[in-house]
């Protein structure tokens, strides 16, 4: 159900989409990795929780397209399919690292980031950068510990405000000029975790 709530369904007869632009998110991740890794060839581990989750699929397509265009030296190693669960995610990552492939960076489009890091550490792998999505408890703790360098975040409060405004506009209770826009992609580092989220996950 959460995927239906937070993912666009274009053919559903919806009146609007209020949520993250996943294409922009994927392109942003590609930009950050290219910036952090520099000009040398490198391997980037990518993971999706579920290839059939439209939001993650859009992130991946945009990410791959941006890398091909701007950073063709970066090679992708795909460990998708763990459904955001720790054990299957860890097993998927371990399976693609068995040949000793050196991983310079990680882009995690879904969940299971603790498991991804555990699998990398078991292979003595220490990526230069790790980019993920969503400020849940695990990711906030990983940010604070310096184990994840950036989280691509969007403000669900703003999305809910936008959704309510679209409904009010549909029923002619609010002019179009007053409808709030959906949230933008925000790059969150250990230095700018939003206060309302940081306060929920105190050490």
N, C-alpha and C. Protein backbone atom coordinates (compact mmCIF):
# COMPACT_ATOMS: atom_id res chain seq x y z
N UNK A 1 0.82 -1.21 0.00
CA UNK A 1 0.00 0.00 0.00
C UNK A 1 0.85 1.26 0.00
N UNK A 2 2.02 1.25 0.74
CA UNK A 2 2.84 2.45 0.79
C UNK A 2 3.32 2.84 -0.59
N UNK A 3 3.58 1.86 -1.46
CA UNK A 3 4.06 2.17 -2.80
C UNK A 3 2.97 2.84 -3.62
N UNK A 4 1.72 2.44 -3.39
CA UNK A 4 0.62 3.08 -4.10
C UNK A 4 0.43 4.51 -3.62
N UNK A 5 0.72 4.75 -2.36
CA UNK A 5 0.55 6.08 -1.81
C UNK A 5 1.62 7.05 -2.28
N UNK A 6 2.84 6.55 -2.49
CA UNK A 6 3.96 7.45 -2.77
C UNK A 6 4.53 7.30 -4.17
N UNK A 7 3.83 6.61 -5.05
CA UNK A 7 4.30 6.42 -6.41
C UNK A 7 3.22 6.89 -7.38
N UNK A 8 3.64 7.53 -8.43
CA UNK A 8 2.68 8.00 -9.43
C UNK A 8 2.03 6.82 -10.15
N UNK A 9 0.75 6.96 -10.47
CA UNK A 9 0.01 5.96 -11.25
C UNK A 9 -0.65 6.71 -12.40
N UNK A 10 0.09 6.94 -13.50
CA UNK A 10 -0.37 7.85 -14.56
C UNK A 10 -1.71 7.48 -15.19
N UNK A 11 -2.03 6.20 -15.31
CA UNK A 11 -3.24 5.79 -16.02
C UNK A 11 -4.41 5.54 -15.06
N UNK A 12 -4.33 6.07 -13.86
CA UNK A 12 -5.34 5.79 -12.85
C UNK A 12 -6.52 6.75 -12.88
N UNK A 13 -6.45 7.77 -13.75
CA UNK A 13 -7.50 8.79 -13.74
C UNK A 13 -7.30 9.80 -12.63
N UNK A 14 -6.09 9.89 -12.11
CA UNK A 14 -5.78 10.82 -11.02
C UNK A 14 -5.97 12.26 -11.50
N UNK A 15 -6.20 13.17 -10.54
CA UNK A 15 -6.31 14.59 -10.88
C UNK A 15 -4.95 15.28 -10.82
N UNK A 16 -4.00 14.68 -10.11
CA UNK A 16 -2.66 15.26 -10.01
C UNK A 16 -1.73 14.25 -9.35
N UNK A 17 -0.44 14.51 -9.45
CA UNK A 17 0.56 13.72 -8.73
C UNK A 17 1.26 14.66 -7.76
N UNK A 18 1.25 14.31 -6.48
CA UNK A 18 1.94 15.10 -5.46
C UNK A 18 3.00 14.22 -4.83
N UNK A 19 4.22 14.38 -5.27
CA UNK A 19 5.29 13.54 -4.73
C UNK A 19 6.61 13.82 -5.39
N UNK A 20 7.59 13.02 -5.04
CA UNK A 20 8.95 13.19 -5.54
C UNK A 20 9.02 12.95 -7.04
N UNK A 21 9.79 13.79 -7.73
CA UNK A 21 10.11 13.55 -9.14
C UNK A 21 11.29 12.59 -9.16
N UNK A 22 11.00 11.31 -9.37
CA UNK A 22 12.03 10.29 -9.28
C UNK A 22 13.06 10.38 -10.39
N UNK A 23 12.68 10.93 -11.53
CA UNK A 23 13.66 11.12 -12.60
C UNK A 23 14.72 12.14 -12.18
N UNK A 24 14.28 13.21 -11.56
CA UNK A 24 15.22 14.22 -11.06
C UNK A 24 16.11 13.61 -9.97
N UNK A 25 15.53 12.77 -9.13
CA UNK A 25 16.30 12.13 -8.06
C UNK A 25 17.42 11.26 -8.64
N UNK A 26 17.10 10.46 -9.65
CA UNK A 26 18.12 9.61 -10.26
C UNK A 26 19.23 10.40 -10.91
N UNK A 27 18.85 11.48 -11.61
CA UNK A 27 19.86 12.32 -12.25
C UNK A 27 20.72 13.04 -11.22
N UNK A 28 20.12 13.42 -10.10
CA UNK A 28 20.87 14.07 -9.02
C UNK A 28 21.90 13.12 -8.43
N UNK A 29 21.50 11.87 -8.23
CA UNK A 29 22.43 10.87 -7.71
C UNK A 29 23.61 10.68 -8.66
N UNK A 30 23.34 10.64 -9.96
CA UNK A 30 24.41 10.49 -10.96
C UNK A 30 25.36 11.68 -10.90
N UNK A 31 24.81 12.87 -10.78
CA UNK A 31 25.64 14.08 -10.70
C UNK A 31 26.56 14.02 -9.48
N UNK A 32 26.00 13.67 -8.32
CA UNK A 32 26.79 13.63 -7.09
C UNK A 32 27.90 12.59 -7.17
N UNK A 33 27.57 11.40 -7.67
CA UNK A 33 28.59 10.36 -7.77
C UNK A 33 29.69 10.76 -8.74
N UNK A 34 29.33 11.33 -9.87
CA UNK A 34 30.34 11.78 -10.81
C UNK A 34 31.25 12.83 -10.21
N UNK A 35 30.67 13.72 -9.42
CA UNK A 35 31.44 14.78 -8.78
C UNK A 35 32.40 14.20 -7.73
N UNK A 36 31.92 13.27 -6.94
CA UNK A 36 32.70 12.73 -5.84
C UNK A 36 33.77 11.73 -6.28
N UNK A 37 33.50 11.01 -7.37
CA UNK A 37 34.45 9.98 -7.80
C UNK A 37 35.57 10.52 -8.68
N UNK A 38 35.34 11.65 -9.31
CA UNK A 38 36.39 12.21 -10.16
C UNK A 38 36.47 11.53 -11.51
N UNK A 39 37.56 11.78 -12.25
CA UNK A 39 37.63 11.37 -13.66
C UNK A 39 38.06 9.92 -13.91
N UNK A 40 38.48 9.21 -12.87
CA UNK A 40 39.00 7.86 -13.09
C UNK A 40 37.87 6.83 -13.27
N UNK A 41 38.10 5.76 -14.03
CA UNK A 41 37.11 4.67 -14.13
C UNK A 41 36.86 4.06 -12.75
N UNK A 42 35.63 3.63 -12.51
CA UNK A 42 35.30 3.06 -11.21
C UNK A 42 34.02 2.24 -11.33
N UNK A 43 33.82 1.35 -10.36
CA UNK A 43 32.62 0.53 -10.29
C UNK A 43 31.64 1.12 -9.28
N UNK A 44 30.37 1.20 -9.68
CA UNK A 44 29.31 1.71 -8.81
C UNK A 44 28.29 0.61 -8.59
N UNK A 45 28.07 0.26 -7.33
CA UNK A 45 27.05 -0.72 -6.98
C UNK A 45 25.69 -0.04 -6.93
N UNK A 46 24.70 -0.60 -7.62
CA UNK A 46 23.34 -0.06 -7.55
C UNK A 46 22.39 -1.14 -7.04
N UNK A 47 21.40 -0.72 -6.26
CA UNK A 47 20.40 -1.65 -5.75
C UNK A 47 19.02 -1.02 -5.81
N UNK A 48 18.07 -1.81 -6.25
CA UNK A 48 16.65 -1.46 -6.15
C UNK A 48 15.99 -2.51 -5.28
N UNK A 49 15.05 -2.09 -4.45
CA UNK A 49 14.32 -3.06 -3.63
C UNK A 49 13.46 -3.95 -4.51
N UNK A 50 12.82 -3.34 -5.50
CA UNK A 50 11.88 -4.07 -6.35
C UNK A 50 11.86 -3.42 -7.73
N UNK A 51 12.24 -4.18 -8.75
CA UNK A 51 12.28 -3.65 -10.11
C UNK A 51 10.91 -3.24 -10.62
N UNK A 52 9.84 -3.72 -9.97
CA UNK A 52 8.48 -3.41 -10.42
C UNK A 52 7.89 -2.20 -9.68
N UNK A 53 8.66 -1.61 -8.79
CA UNK A 53 8.24 -0.40 -8.09
C UNK A 53 8.54 0.78 -9.01
N UNK A 54 7.48 1.43 -9.51
CA UNK A 54 7.64 2.45 -10.54
C UNK A 54 8.62 3.56 -10.12
N UNK A 55 8.53 3.99 -8.87
CA UNK A 55 9.40 5.08 -8.42
C UNK A 55 10.86 4.72 -8.53
N UNK A 56 11.23 3.54 -8.07
CA UNK A 56 12.62 3.10 -8.14
C UNK A 56 13.04 2.86 -9.58
N UNK A 57 12.14 2.34 -10.39
CA UNK A 57 12.44 2.13 -11.81
C UNK A 57 12.76 3.45 -12.50
N UNK A 58 12.00 4.50 -12.19
CA UNK A 58 12.25 5.81 -12.78
C UNK A 58 13.60 6.36 -12.32
N UNK A 59 13.94 6.14 -11.06
CA UNK A 59 15.25 6.57 -10.56
C UNK A 59 16.37 5.88 -11.33
N UNK A 60 16.21 4.58 -11.52
CA UNK A 60 17.27 3.81 -12.18
C UNK A 60 17.45 4.25 -13.63
N UNK A 61 16.35 4.40 -14.36
CA UNK A 61 16.43 4.78 -15.77
C UNK A 61 17.13 6.13 -15.90
N UNK A 62 16.73 7.08 -15.08
CA UNK A 62 17.33 8.41 -15.14
C UNK A 62 18.80 8.39 -14.72
N UNK A 63 19.11 7.61 -13.70
CA UNK A 63 20.49 7.48 -13.22
C UNK A 63 21.39 6.90 -14.31
N UNK A 64 20.94 5.81 -14.92
CA UNK A 64 21.74 5.18 -15.98
C UNK A 64 21.93 6.14 -17.16
N UNK A 65 20.87 6.83 -17.54
CA UNK A 65 20.95 7.75 -18.67
C UNK A 65 21.95 8.87 -18.39
N UNK A 66 21.90 9.43 -17.20
CA UNK A 66 22.81 10.52 -16.84
C UNK A 66 24.26 10.05 -16.79
N UNK A 67 24.48 8.84 -16.27
CA UNK A 67 25.85 8.32 -16.23
C UNK A 67 26.39 8.07 -17.63
N UNK A 68 25.57 7.48 -18.50
CA UNK A 68 26.02 7.24 -19.87
C UNK A 68 26.41 8.54 -20.56
N UNK A 69 25.65 9.59 -20.30
CA UNK A 69 25.88 10.86 -20.97
C UNK A 69 27.07 11.62 -20.40
N UNK A 70 27.17 11.67 -19.08
CA UNK A 70 28.15 12.55 -18.45
C UNK A 70 29.34 11.83 -17.81
N UNK A 71 29.15 10.55 -17.46
CA UNK A 71 30.21 9.83 -16.75
C UNK A 71 30.34 8.40 -17.28
N UNK A 72 30.63 8.25 -18.56
CA UNK A 72 30.66 6.90 -19.17
C UNK A 72 31.75 6.00 -18.61
N UNK A 73 32.70 6.55 -17.89
CA UNK A 73 33.79 5.75 -17.31
C UNK A 73 33.31 4.93 -16.11
N UNK A 74 32.14 5.26 -15.57
CA UNK A 74 31.63 4.57 -14.39
C UNK A 74 30.84 3.33 -14.81
N UNK A 75 31.21 2.18 -14.27
CA UNK A 75 30.59 0.89 -14.60
C UNK A 75 29.63 0.49 -13.48
N UNK A 76 28.43 0.07 -13.86
CA UNK A 76 27.42 -0.28 -12.88
C UNK A 76 27.42 -1.77 -12.57
N UNK A 77 27.36 -2.08 -11.28
CA UNK A 77 27.24 -3.45 -10.79
C UNK A 77 25.88 -3.55 -10.11
N UNK A 78 24.97 -4.35 -10.66
CA UNK A 78 23.58 -4.37 -10.21
C UNK A 78 23.33 -5.49 -9.20
N UNK A 79 22.86 -5.11 -8.01
CA UNK A 79 22.52 -6.10 -6.98
C UNK A 79 21.08 -5.91 -6.53
N UNK A 80 20.20 -5.63 -7.46
CA UNK A 80 18.80 -5.35 -7.13
C UNK A 80 18.03 -6.63 -6.81
N UNK A 81 16.86 -6.43 -6.17
CA UNK A 81 15.96 -7.55 -5.96
C UNK A 81 15.84 -8.03 -4.54
N UNK A 82 16.38 -7.28 -3.57
CA UNK A 82 16.31 -7.72 -2.18
C UNK A 82 15.05 -7.30 -1.46
N UNK A 83 14.15 -6.58 -2.15
CA UNK A 83 12.86 -6.15 -1.60
C UNK A 83 13.01 -5.28 -0.35
N UNK A 84 14.17 -4.66 -0.17
CA UNK A 84 14.38 -3.79 0.98
C UNK A 84 14.57 -4.53 2.29
N UNK A 85 14.64 -5.85 2.24
CA UNK A 85 14.80 -6.68 3.44
C UNK A 85 16.27 -7.01 3.64
N UNK A 86 16.70 -7.01 4.89
CA UNK A 86 18.13 -7.13 5.18
C UNK A 86 18.77 -8.40 4.62
N UNK A 87 18.21 -9.57 4.94
CA UNK A 87 18.86 -10.82 4.55
C UNK A 87 18.95 -10.99 3.04
N UNK A 88 17.85 -10.90 2.29
CA UNK A 88 17.97 -11.06 0.83
C UNK A 88 18.80 -9.96 0.18
N UNK A 89 18.76 -8.74 0.73
CA UNK A 89 19.58 -7.66 0.18
C UNK A 89 21.05 -7.96 0.37
N UNK A 90 21.41 -8.40 1.57
CA UNK A 90 22.81 -8.74 1.84
C UNK A 90 23.28 -9.88 0.95
N UNK A 91 22.43 -10.88 0.75
CA UNK A 91 22.79 -12.01 -0.11
C UNK A 91 22.99 -11.55 -1.56
N UNK A 92 22.13 -10.66 -2.03
CA UNK A 92 22.27 -10.15 -3.40
C UNK A 92 23.59 -9.41 -3.58
N UNK A 93 23.94 -8.58 -2.61
CA UNK A 93 25.19 -7.83 -2.71
C UNK A 93 26.39 -8.77 -2.64
N UNK A 94 26.36 -9.71 -1.72
CA UNK A 94 27.47 -10.67 -1.62
C UNK A 94 27.65 -11.44 -2.93
N UNK A 95 26.55 -11.76 -3.59
CA UNK A 95 26.63 -12.58 -4.80
C UNK A 95 27.34 -11.86 -5.94
N UNK A 96 27.24 -10.52 -5.98
CA UNK A 96 27.90 -9.79 -7.08
C UNK A 96 29.32 -9.38 -6.71
N UNK A 97 29.70 -9.59 -5.45
CA UNK A 97 31.05 -9.21 -5.02
C UNK A 97 31.99 -10.40 -4.91
N UNK A 98 31.49 -11.59 -5.20
CA UNK A 98 32.30 -12.80 -5.02
C UNK A 98 33.53 -12.85 -5.90
N UNK A 99 33.52 -12.10 -7.00
CA UNK A 99 34.68 -12.13 -7.89
C UNK A 99 35.73 -11.09 -7.51
N UNK A 100 35.54 -10.45 -6.37
CA UNK A 100 36.52 -9.48 -5.90
C UNK A 100 36.41 -8.11 -6.55
N UNK A 101 35.29 -7.83 -7.20
CA UNK A 101 35.10 -6.53 -7.84
C UNK A 101 35.21 -5.41 -6.81
N UNK A 102 36.03 -4.42 -7.11
CA UNK A 102 36.22 -3.29 -6.21
C UNK A 102 35.10 -2.27 -6.43
N UNK A 103 34.41 -1.90 -5.37
CA UNK A 103 33.29 -0.97 -5.44
C UNK A 103 33.73 0.40 -4.91
N UNK A 104 33.60 1.42 -5.77
CA UNK A 104 34.01 2.77 -5.38
C UNK A 104 32.85 3.57 -4.80
N UNK A 105 31.61 3.22 -5.19
CA UNK A 105 30.46 3.99 -4.73
C UNK A 105 29.21 3.12 -4.77
N UNK A 106 28.20 3.56 -4.03
CA UNK A 106 26.92 2.85 -3.97
C UNK A 106 25.79 3.85 -4.18
N UNK A 107 24.82 3.46 -5.03
CA UNK A 107 23.56 4.20 -5.11
C UNK A 107 22.45 3.22 -4.78
N UNK A 108 21.86 3.39 -3.62
CA UNK A 108 20.77 2.54 -3.16
C UNK A 108 19.45 3.25 -3.39
N UNK A 109 18.65 2.72 -4.32
CA UNK A 109 17.39 3.36 -4.68
C UNK A 109 16.24 2.95 -3.78
N UNK A 110 16.45 1.92 -2.96
CA UNK A 110 15.42 1.45 -2.07
C UNK A 110 15.91 1.37 -0.64
N UNK A 111 15.65 0.23 0.02
CA UNK A 111 16.03 0.08 1.42
C UNK A 111 17.15 -0.92 1.61
N UNK A 112 17.33 -1.32 2.88
CA UNK A 112 18.34 -2.32 3.20
C UNK A 112 19.76 -1.81 3.24
N UNK A 113 19.95 -0.54 3.56
CA UNK A 113 21.29 0.03 3.50
C UNK A 113 22.25 -0.54 4.54
N UNK A 114 21.72 -0.87 5.72
CA UNK A 114 22.57 -1.51 6.74
C UNK A 114 23.10 -2.83 6.20
N UNK A 115 22.25 -3.59 5.54
CA UNK A 115 22.66 -4.89 4.98
C UNK A 115 23.67 -4.71 3.85
N UNK A 116 23.48 -3.69 3.02
CA UNK A 116 24.43 -3.42 1.93
C UNK A 116 25.81 -3.14 2.50
N UNK A 117 25.88 -2.29 3.51
CA UNK A 117 27.16 -1.96 4.13
C UNK A 117 27.78 -3.17 4.80
N UNK A 118 26.96 -4.00 5.42
CA UNK A 118 27.47 -5.20 6.07
C UNK A 118 28.11 -6.14 5.05
N UNK A 119 27.45 -6.30 3.91
CA UNK A 119 28.01 -7.16 2.85
C UNK A 119 29.31 -6.59 2.30
N UNK A 120 29.38 -5.28 2.15
CA UNK A 120 30.61 -4.66 1.65
C UNK A 120 31.75 -4.81 2.66
N UNK A 121 31.45 -4.61 3.93
CA UNK A 121 32.47 -4.74 4.96
C UNK A 121 33.00 -6.16 5.06
N UNK A 122 32.12 -7.13 4.81
CA UNK A 122 32.57 -8.53 4.85
C UNK A 122 33.59 -8.83 3.76
N UNK A 123 33.58 -8.02 2.71
CA UNK A 123 34.54 -8.16 1.61
C UNK A 123 35.66 -7.12 1.70
N UNK A 124 35.79 -6.48 2.87
CA UNK A 124 36.79 -5.42 3.08
C UNK A 124 36.66 -4.30 2.05
N UNK A 125 35.42 -3.97 1.71
CA UNK A 125 35.15 -2.90 0.75
C UNK A 125 34.76 -1.63 1.50
N UNK A 126 35.34 -0.51 1.10
CA UNK A 126 35.03 0.78 1.73
C UNK A 126 34.79 1.81 0.63
N UNK A 127 33.56 1.89 0.11
CA UNK A 127 33.27 2.83 -0.98
C UNK A 127 33.56 4.28 -0.59
N UNK A 128 33.94 5.05 -1.58
CA UNK A 128 34.21 6.47 -1.37
C UNK A 128 32.92 7.20 -1.00
N UNK A 129 31.83 6.83 -1.63
CA UNK A 129 30.56 7.50 -1.32
C UNK A 129 29.39 6.52 -1.44
N UNK A 130 28.38 6.80 -0.62
CA UNK A 130 27.16 5.99 -0.58
C UNK A 130 26.00 6.98 -0.58
N UNK A 131 25.13 6.85 -1.57
CA UNK A 131 23.96 7.72 -1.68
C UNK A 131 22.70 6.86 -1.58
N UNK A 132 21.77 7.27 -0.74
CA UNK A 132 20.54 6.52 -0.56
C UNK A 132 19.32 7.43 -0.62
N UNK A 133 18.18 6.86 -0.25
CA UNK A 133 16.91 7.59 -0.25
C UNK A 133 16.21 7.44 1.09
N UNK A 134 15.51 8.48 1.50
CA UNK A 134 14.59 8.48 2.63
C UNK A 134 15.31 8.58 3.99
N UNK A 135 14.79 9.46 4.82
CA UNK A 135 15.38 9.70 6.14
C UNK A 135 14.64 8.89 7.20
N UNK A 136 14.80 7.56 7.13
CA UNK A 136 14.27 6.71 8.19
C UNK A 136 15.32 6.59 9.29
N UNK A 137 15.01 5.83 10.33
CA UNK A 137 15.91 5.74 11.48
C UNK A 137 17.28 5.20 11.09
N UNK A 138 17.31 4.12 10.31
CA UNK A 138 18.59 3.54 9.90
C UNK A 138 19.44 4.55 9.14
N UNK A 139 18.84 5.23 8.19
CA UNK A 139 19.61 6.15 7.35
C UNK A 139 20.10 7.38 8.12
N UNK A 140 19.30 7.86 9.05
CA UNK A 140 19.76 8.98 9.89
C UNK A 140 20.96 8.55 10.72
N UNK A 141 20.90 7.36 11.29
CA UNK A 141 22.03 6.86 12.08
C UNK A 141 23.27 6.65 11.21
N UNK A 142 23.07 6.14 10.00
CA UNK A 142 24.20 5.93 9.09
C UNK A 142 24.81 7.26 8.65
N UNK A 143 23.98 8.25 8.43
CA UNK A 143 24.49 9.59 8.10
C UNK A 143 25.33 10.13 9.25
N UNK A 144 24.80 10.05 10.45
CA UNK A 144 25.52 10.59 11.61
C UNK A 144 26.85 9.89 11.83
N UNK A 145 26.89 8.60 11.50
CA UNK A 145 28.12 7.82 11.69
C UNK A 145 29.10 8.00 10.54
N UNK A 146 28.70 8.74 9.50
CA UNK A 146 29.58 8.94 8.35
C UNK A 146 29.67 7.74 7.42
N UNK A 147 28.73 6.81 7.54
CA UNK A 147 28.77 5.61 6.71
C UNK A 147 27.98 5.81 5.41
N UNK A 148 27.09 6.78 5.39
CA UNK A 148 26.41 7.24 4.18
C UNK A 148 26.74 8.71 4.02
N UNK A 149 27.06 9.10 2.80
CA UNK A 149 27.48 10.49 2.58
C UNK A 149 26.31 11.42 2.26
N UNK A 150 25.26 10.89 1.63
CA UNK A 150 24.13 11.75 1.27
C UNK A 150 22.85 10.92 1.13
N UNK A 151 21.75 11.53 1.53
CA UNK A 151 20.42 10.95 1.35
C UNK A 151 19.60 11.91 0.49
N UNK A 152 18.94 11.38 -0.52
CA UNK A 152 18.03 12.18 -1.35
C UNK A 152 16.65 12.12 -0.69
N UNK A 153 16.23 13.26 -0.20
CA UNK A 153 15.05 13.35 0.66
C UNK A 153 13.99 14.22 0.01
N UNK A 154 12.74 13.93 0.31
CA UNK A 154 11.66 14.85 -0.06
C UNK A 154 10.72 14.98 1.12
N UNK A 155 10.13 16.15 1.25
CA UNK A 155 9.32 16.50 2.42
C UNK A 155 7.89 15.99 2.24
N UNK A 156 7.56 14.94 2.97
CA UNK A 156 6.22 14.35 2.86
C UNK A 156 5.14 15.33 3.33
N UNK A 157 5.50 16.22 4.25
CA UNK A 157 4.51 17.21 4.70
C UNK A 157 4.12 18.14 3.55
N UNK A 158 5.11 18.52 2.76
CA UNK A 158 4.83 19.37 1.60
C UNK A 158 3.99 18.61 0.57
N UNK A 159 4.30 17.32 0.38
CA UNK A 159 3.52 16.52 -0.57
C UNK A 159 2.06 16.39 -0.13
N UNK A 160 1.85 16.18 1.18
CA UNK A 160 0.48 16.09 1.68
C UNK A 160 -0.25 17.42 1.52
N UNK A 161 0.46 18.52 1.76
CA UNK A 161 -0.14 19.85 1.57
C UNK A 161 -0.55 20.03 0.11
N UNK A 162 0.35 19.64 -0.79
CA UNK A 162 0.07 19.76 -2.22
C UNK A 162 -1.12 18.90 -2.62
N UNK A 163 -1.18 17.67 -2.10
CA UNK A 163 -2.29 16.76 -2.42
C UNK A 163 -3.62 17.35 -1.97
N UNK A 164 -3.64 17.89 -0.75
CA UNK A 164 -4.88 18.49 -0.23
C UNK A 164 -5.29 19.70 -1.07
N UNK A 165 -4.31 20.50 -1.48
CA UNK A 165 -4.61 21.66 -2.31
C UNK A 165 -5.18 21.25 -3.67
N UNK A 166 -4.62 20.18 -4.25
CA UNK A 166 -5.14 19.71 -5.54
C UNK A 166 -6.59 19.25 -5.41
N UNK A 167 -6.91 18.57 -4.31
CA UNK A 167 -8.29 18.12 -4.09
C UNK A 167 -9.22 19.32 -3.92
N UNK A 168 -8.77 20.30 -3.15
CA UNK A 168 -9.58 21.51 -2.95
C UNK A 168 -9.79 22.26 -4.27
N UNK A 169 -8.72 22.32 -5.09
CA UNK A 169 -8.85 22.99 -6.39
C UNK A 169 -9.82 22.23 -7.30
N UNK A 170 -9.75 20.90 -7.27
CA UNK A 170 -10.64 20.08 -8.09
C UNK A 170 -12.11 20.36 -7.75
N UNK A 171 -12.37 20.61 -6.47
CA UNK A 171 -13.74 20.89 -6.03
C UNK A 171 -14.04 22.39 -6.00
N UNK A 172 -13.17 23.16 -6.70
CA UNK A 172 -13.37 24.61 -6.85
C UNK A 172 -13.39 25.35 -5.51
N UNK A 173 -12.61 24.86 -4.57
CA UNK A 173 -12.50 25.51 -3.26
C UNK A 173 -11.21 26.30 -3.11
N UNK A 174 -10.35 26.21 -4.15
CA UNK A 174 -9.05 26.88 -4.08
C UNK A 174 -8.62 27.22 -5.50
N UNK A 175 -8.17 28.45 -5.74
CA UNK A 175 -7.71 28.80 -7.09
C UNK A 175 -6.42 28.07 -7.44
N UNK A 176 -6.19 27.86 -8.72
CA UNK A 176 -5.00 27.15 -9.17
C UNK A 176 -3.72 27.83 -8.71
N UNK A 177 -3.76 29.15 -8.63
CA UNK A 177 -2.56 29.90 -8.23
C UNK A 177 -2.15 29.64 -6.79
N UNK A 178 -3.07 29.09 -6.00
CA UNK A 178 -2.78 28.84 -4.58
C UNK A 178 -2.37 27.41 -4.29
N UNK A 179 -2.37 26.55 -5.31
CA UNK A 179 -2.01 25.14 -5.11
C UNK A 179 -0.51 25.02 -4.86
N UNK A 180 -0.15 24.43 -3.75
CA UNK A 180 1.26 24.26 -3.39
C UNK A 180 1.92 23.24 -4.31
N UNK A 181 3.15 23.50 -4.67
CA UNK A 181 3.89 22.55 -5.50
C UNK A 181 4.34 21.36 -4.67
N UNK A 182 4.65 20.25 -5.34
CA UNK A 182 5.18 19.09 -4.64
C UNK A 182 6.60 19.39 -4.17
N UNK A 183 7.10 18.55 -3.29
CA UNK A 183 8.43 18.77 -2.73
C UNK A 183 9.51 18.54 -3.78
N UNK A 184 10.62 19.22 -3.60
CA UNK A 184 11.78 19.05 -4.46
C UNK A 184 12.74 18.05 -3.83
N UNK A 185 13.66 17.53 -4.64
CA UNK A 185 14.70 16.65 -4.11
C UNK A 185 15.66 17.49 -3.27
N UNK A 186 15.92 17.05 -2.06
CA UNK A 186 16.86 17.73 -1.17
C UNK A 186 18.01 16.78 -0.86
N UNK A 187 19.23 17.26 -1.06
CA UNK A 187 20.42 16.47 -0.73
C UNK A 187 20.74 16.69 0.74
N UNK A 188 20.57 15.65 1.54
CA UNK A 188 20.81 15.74 2.98
C UNK A 188 22.14 15.06 3.32
N UNK A 189 22.98 15.78 4.03
CA UNK A 189 24.27 15.27 4.50
C UNK A 189 24.22 15.21 6.03
N UNK A 190 25.28 14.74 6.68
CA UNK A 190 25.28 14.75 8.15
C UNK A 190 25.11 16.15 8.74
N UNK A 191 25.37 17.18 7.94
CA UNK A 191 25.35 18.55 8.45
C UNK A 191 24.00 19.25 8.32
N UNK A 192 23.05 18.69 7.60
CA UNK A 192 21.78 19.41 7.40
C UNK A 192 20.56 18.50 7.53
N UNK A 193 20.62 17.54 8.45
CA UNK A 193 19.44 16.70 8.71
C UNK A 193 18.34 17.61 9.27
N UNK A 194 17.15 17.62 8.67
CA UNK A 194 16.08 18.50 9.15
C UNK A 194 15.79 18.28 10.63
N UNK A 195 15.57 19.37 11.36
CA UNK A 195 15.38 19.29 12.81
C UNK A 195 14.22 18.39 13.19
N UNK A 196 13.11 18.47 12.43
CA UNK A 196 11.93 17.68 12.81
C UNK A 196 12.17 16.19 12.65
N UNK A 197 13.14 15.81 11.82
CA UNK A 197 13.50 14.40 11.66
C UNK A 197 14.59 14.03 12.65
N UNK A 198 15.59 14.89 12.79
CA UNK A 198 16.69 14.61 13.72
C UNK A 198 16.17 14.40 15.14
N UNK A 199 15.16 15.17 15.53
CA UNK A 199 14.64 15.07 16.90
C UNK A 199 13.93 13.75 17.16
N UNK A 200 13.47 13.09 16.11
CA UNK A 200 12.79 11.80 16.27
C UNK A 200 13.77 10.67 16.46
N UNK A 201 14.99 10.86 16.01
CA UNK A 201 15.97 9.77 16.03
C UNK A 201 17.22 10.19 16.78
N UNK A 202 17.04 10.66 17.99
CA UNK A 202 18.19 11.02 18.81
C UNK A 202 18.95 9.77 19.23
N UNK A 203 20.28 9.90 19.31
CA UNK A 203 21.10 8.77 19.76
C UNK A 203 20.83 8.47 21.23
